[in-house]
Amino acid sequence: MNSSKLAALTFDDGPNTVTTPQVLDVLEKHNVTATFFVIGNNITPESSEVMLRAVKMGCGIENHSRTHSDMTKMSAGEISAEISFTSGAIEKVAGRRPEFFRPPYIACGQQMFDTIDLTFICGIGADDWNEEISADERFRRITEQVSDGSVILLHDMEGNFRTVEAIDRIIPAMKADGYEFVTVSELFSRKGIVPKKNIIYTNVFQDK
């Protein structure tokens, strides 16, 4: 097991050609990687170029469904279609199939666990989808909640400039506190954790 403090920055609801590149600029500035949980219907020829940049930087690309709908209200077949479409679109761009899944609205049920053969990921958040939450408040919420093994849940949805501003402060502050940033996949492997079924992970050390 690695003894250094590790955390995974993650971003939901992309890719897009406005905010996702701004997030990548901040990651590049601080020389860190992150993981992007993408929506299948947002993957276009233009946004694929942004995804490819993320991959070349060493970032992870994972599954956040095709339509960002509440999957607890879907049949098993509808769930499978959402996942397979997005995983296929990711593989076409990134060259690998995703290992992880973040449920839309963090809504999940047993049928989803039974149907989706990916590790479920949640994370510590800052309600940063809400434009009324200031960059200062986003910074405060994340830095106060984070611990070794945390997944940090933020959004690179189009126009979310306050999160771009917040991560430009979160990253150096956490580095100063001894944290290293890794992808979600690296977080599990570096900590020696084999993901379990029927768990939605906010921290790799949780067991239920």
Protein backbone atom coordinates (compact mmCIF):
# COMPACT_ATOMS: atom_id res chain seq x y z
CA MET A 1 0.00 0.00 0.00
CA ASN A 2 1.25 3.47 -0.89
CA SER A 3 1.72 5.66 2.19
CA SER A 4 1.35 9.07 0.51
CA LYS A 5 -1.97 10.92 0.60
CA LEU A 6 -3.85 10.40 -2.65
CA ALA A 7 -7.04 11.91 -4.06
CA ALA A 8 -8.82 11.77 -7.41
CA LEU A 9 -10.28 14.90 -8.99
CA THR A 10 -13.28 14.01 -11.13
CA PHE A 11 -15.54 16.04 -13.40
CA ASP A 12 -19.08 15.22 -14.56
CA ASP A 13 -21.36 16.16 -17.45
CA GLY A 14 -18.85 16.87 -20.23
CA PRO A 15 -17.29 16.75 -22.62
CA ASN A 16 -17.76 20.18 -24.16
CA THR A 17 -15.58 22.64 -26.03
CA VAL A 18 -15.90 25.52 -23.54
CA THR A 19 -15.38 24.49 -19.91
CA THR A 20 -13.65 21.14 -20.36
CA PRO A 21 -10.66 22.80 -22.08
CA GLN A 22 -10.52 25.39 -19.29
CA VAL A 23 -10.37 22.58 -16.72
CA LEU A 24 -7.62 20.89 -18.73
CA ASP A 25 -5.68 24.18 -18.82
CA VAL A 26 -5.72 24.32 -15.00
CA LEU A 27 -4.71 20.66 -14.69
CA GLU A 28 -1.85 21.24 -17.13
CA LYS A 29 -0.78 24.38 -15.27
CA HIS A 30 -0.43 22.41 -12.02
CA ASN A 31 0.82 19.21 -13.71
CA VAL A 32 -1.93 16.94 -12.37
CA THR A 33 -4.39 14.46 -13.85
CA ALA A 34 -8.11 13.96 -13.28
CA THR A 35 -10.93 11.67 -14.37
CA PHE A 36 -13.81 12.79 -16.58
CA PHE A 37 -17.19 11.05 -16.27
CA VAL A 38 -18.71 11.83 -19.64
CA ILE A 39 -22.25 11.77 -21.04
CA GLY A 40 -22.51 9.74 -24.22
CA ASN A 41 -24.76 12.21 -26.01
CA ASN A 42 -22.19 14.98 -25.39
CA ILE A 43 -19.50 13.14 -27.36
CA THR A 44 -19.31 14.86 -30.75
CA PRO A 45 -16.51 15.18 -33.30
CA GLU A 46 -15.59 18.52 -31.69
CA SER A 47 -15.73 17.39 -28.06
CA SER A 48 -13.87 14.19 -29.00
CA GLU A 49 -10.83 16.37 -29.69
CA VAL A 50 -11.07 17.68 -26.12
CA MET A 51 -11.37 14.11 -24.79
CA LEU A 52 -8.30 13.12 -26.78
CA ARG A 53 -6.35 15.98 -25.22
CA ALA A 54 -7.38 14.72 -21.77
CA VAL A 55 -6.25 11.19 -22.62
CA LYS A 56 -2.89 12.45 -23.88
CA MET A 57 -2.45 14.28 -20.56
CA GLY A 58 -2.95 10.99 -18.70
CA CYS A 59 -6.50 11.66 -17.55
CA GLY A 60 -9.16 8.95 -17.18
CA ILE A 61 -12.39 8.90 -19.20
CA GLU A 62 -15.28 7.05 -17.53
CA ASN A 63 -19.01 6.46 -17.99
CA HIS A 64 -21.75 8.85 -16.78
CA SER A 65 -24.59 7.35 -18.91
CA ARG A 66 -25.83 8.36 -22.35
CA THR A 67 -28.65 10.77 -21.49
CA HIS A 68 -28.11 11.70 -17.82
CA SER A 69 -31.55 10.35 -16.88
CA ASP A 70 -32.64 8.75 -13.60
CA MET A 71 -31.69 5.14 -14.24
CA THR A 72 -33.61 3.82 -11.22
CA LYS A 73 -36.73 4.32 -13.35
CA MET A 74 -35.38 2.28 -16.29
CA SER A 75 -35.66 -1.36 -17.28
CA ALA A 76 -32.55 -3.54 -17.29
CA GLY A 77 -32.48 -3.29 -21.08
CA GLU A 78 -32.66 0.50 -21.03
CA ILE A 79 -29.88 0.63 -18.44
CA SER A 80 -27.67 -1.64 -20.55
CA ALA A 81 -28.29 0.50 -23.63
CA GLU A 82 -27.27 3.69 -21.79
CA ILE A 83 -24.03 2.10 -20.59
CA SER A 84 -23.04 0.26 -23.75
CA PHE A 85 -23.58 3.31 -25.98
CA THR A 86 -21.38 5.51 -23.79
CA SER A 87 -18.68 2.89 -23.20
CA GLY A 88 -18.49 2.28 -26.93
CA ALA A 89 -18.21 6.00 -27.69
CA ILE A 90 -15.47 6.36 -25.07
CA GLU A 91 -13.53 3.40 -26.45
CA LYS A 92 -13.67 4.83 -29.98
CA VAL A 93 -11.99 8.05 -28.79
CA ALA A 94 -9.86 6.97 -25.83
CA GLY A 95 -8.85 3.52 -27.03
CA ARG A 96 -10.04 1.75 -23.90
CA ARG A 97 -13.34 0.84 -22.32
CA PRO A 98 -14.25 2.50 -19.03
CA GLU A 99 -13.92 0.71 -15.69
CA PHE A 100 -16.01 3.11 -13.60
CA PHE A 101 -19.52 4.56 -13.64
CA ARG A 102 -21.08 7.52 -11.88
CA PRO A 103 -24.88 7.32 -11.77
CA PRO A 104 -26.77 10.43 -12.87
CA TYR A 105 -27.99 12.30 -9.76
CA ILE A 106 -26.14 9.59 -7.73
CA ALA A 107 -29.42 7.67 -7.97
CA CYS A 108 -28.85 3.93 -7.93
CA GLY A 109 -30.68 0.74 -7.05
CA GLN A 110 -30.04 -2.99 -6.99
CA GLN A 111 -31.12 -3.46 -10.61
CA MET A 112 -28.40 -1.03 -11.66
CA PHE A 113 -25.77 -2.87 -9.60
CA ASP A 114 -26.94 -6.15 -11.14
CA THR A 115 -26.93 -4.81 -14.72
CA ILE A 116 -23.87 -2.54 -14.89
CA ASP A 117 -20.51 -4.33 -14.80
CA LEU A 118 -18.56 -1.24 -13.74
CA THR A 119 -17.43 0.07 -10.34
CA PHE A 120 -19.84 2.73 -9.04
CA ILE A 121 -18.31 6.06 -8.00
CA CYS A 122 -19.75 8.97 -6.02
CA GLY A 123 -17.41 11.46 -4.28
CA ILE A 124 -17.21 14.43 -1.95
CA GLY A 125 -18.85 17.43 -3.59
CA ALA A 126 -19.57 21.12 -3.32
CA ASP A 127 -22.95 21.39 -5.09
CA ASP A 128 -20.91 23.03 -7.84
CA TRP A 129 -23.67 22.44 -10.39
CA ASN A 130 -25.44 25.30 -8.60
CA GLU A 131 -24.16 28.60 -9.99
CA GLU A 132 -25.11 30.35 -6.73
CA ILE A 133 -22.29 28.53 -4.92
CA SER A 134 -19.26 30.82 -5.07
CA ALA A 135 -15.77 29.69 -6.02
CA ASP A 136 -14.69 30.46 -2.43
CA GLU A 137 -17.41 28.19 -1.06
CA ARG A 138 -16.51 25.40 -3.50
CA PHE A 139 -12.89 25.67 -2.39
CA ARG A 140 -13.87 25.57 1.29
CA ARG A 141 -16.22 22.60 1.00
CA ILE A 142 -13.74 20.41 -0.89
CA THR A 143 -10.68 21.21 1.21
CA GLU A 144 -12.60 20.69 4.46
CA GLN A 145 -14.00 17.31 3.40
CA VAL A 146 -11.04 15.71 1.65
CA SER A 147 -9.11 12.81 3.19
CA ASP A 148 -6.66 10.20 1.95
CA GLY A 149 -8.39 8.04 -0.67
CA SER A 150 -11.10 10.59 -1.52
CA VAL A 151 -12.81 10.99 -4.84
CA ILE A 152 -13.65 14.66 -5.45
CA LEU A 153 -16.87 15.21 -7.43
CA LEU A 154 -17.03 18.39 -9.50
CA HIS A 155 -18.58 19.37 -12.85
CA ASP A 156 -17.10 20.58 -16.13
CA MET A 157 -20.52 21.37 -17.58
CA GLU A 158 -20.51 24.23 -20.05
CA GLY A 159 -20.16 27.64 -18.40
CA ASN A 160 -19.17 26.36 -14.95
CA PHE A 161 -16.38 28.93 -14.60
CA ARG A 162 -16.59 29.05 -10.79
CA THR A 163 -15.35 25.47 -10.58
CA VAL A 164 -12.49 26.30 -12.97
CA GLU A 165 -11.57 29.13 -10.59
CA ALA A 166 -11.96 26.91 -7.52
CA ILE A 167 -9.73 24.08 -8.75
CA ASP A 168 -6.98 26.60 -9.51
CA ARG A 169 -6.91 27.10 -5.72
CA ILE A 170 -7.88 23.59 -4.56
CA ILE A 171 -5.00 21.88 -6.34
CA PRO A 172 -2.12 23.94 -4.87
CA ALA A 173 -3.73 23.98 -1.42
CA MET A 174 -4.03 20.19 -1.38
CA LYS A 175 -0.52 19.78 -2.76
CA ALA A 176 0.76 21.95 0.08
CA ASP A 177 -1.07 19.61 2.47
CA GLY A 178 0.80 16.62 1.04
CA TYR A 179 -1.72 15.29 -1.48
CA GLU A 180 -0.92 13.74 -4.85
CA PHE A 181 -3.60 13.75 -7.56
CA VAL A 182 -4.27 10.53 -9.47
CA THR A 183 -6.98 9.09 -11.69
CA VAL A 184 -9.75 7.01 -10.11
CA SER A 185 -8.17 3.86 -11.57
CA GLU A 186 -4.79 4.77 -10.09
CA LEU A 187 -6.40 5.61 -6.75
CA PHE A 188 -7.63 2.04 -6.34
CA SER A 189 -4.45 0.41 -7.63
CA ARG A 190 -2.03 2.62 -5.68
CA LYS A 191 -3.95 1.97 -2.46
CA GLY A 192 -4.16 -1.76 -3.17
CA ILE A 193 -7.97 -1.81 -3.15
CA VAL A 194 -9.92 -4.23 -5.33
CA PRO A 195 -13.31 -2.60 -6.03
CA LYS A 196 -16.36 -4.50 -4.76
CA LYS A 197 -19.83 -4.86 -6.23
CA ASN A 198 -22.86 -3.19 -4.62
CA ILE A 199 -20.82 -0.27 -3.30
CA ILE A 200 -20.80 3.30 -4.57
CA TYR A 201 -17.42 4.70 -3.60
CA THR A 202 -16.73 8.16 -2.23
CA ASN A 203 -13.45 6.98 -0.71
CA VAL A 204 -11.55 3.85 -1.75
CA PHE A 205 -11.27 2.72 1.88
CA GLN A 206 -15.01 2.43 2.46
CA ASP A 207 -16.40 -1.11 2.72
CA LYS A 208 -20.15 -0.56 2.28
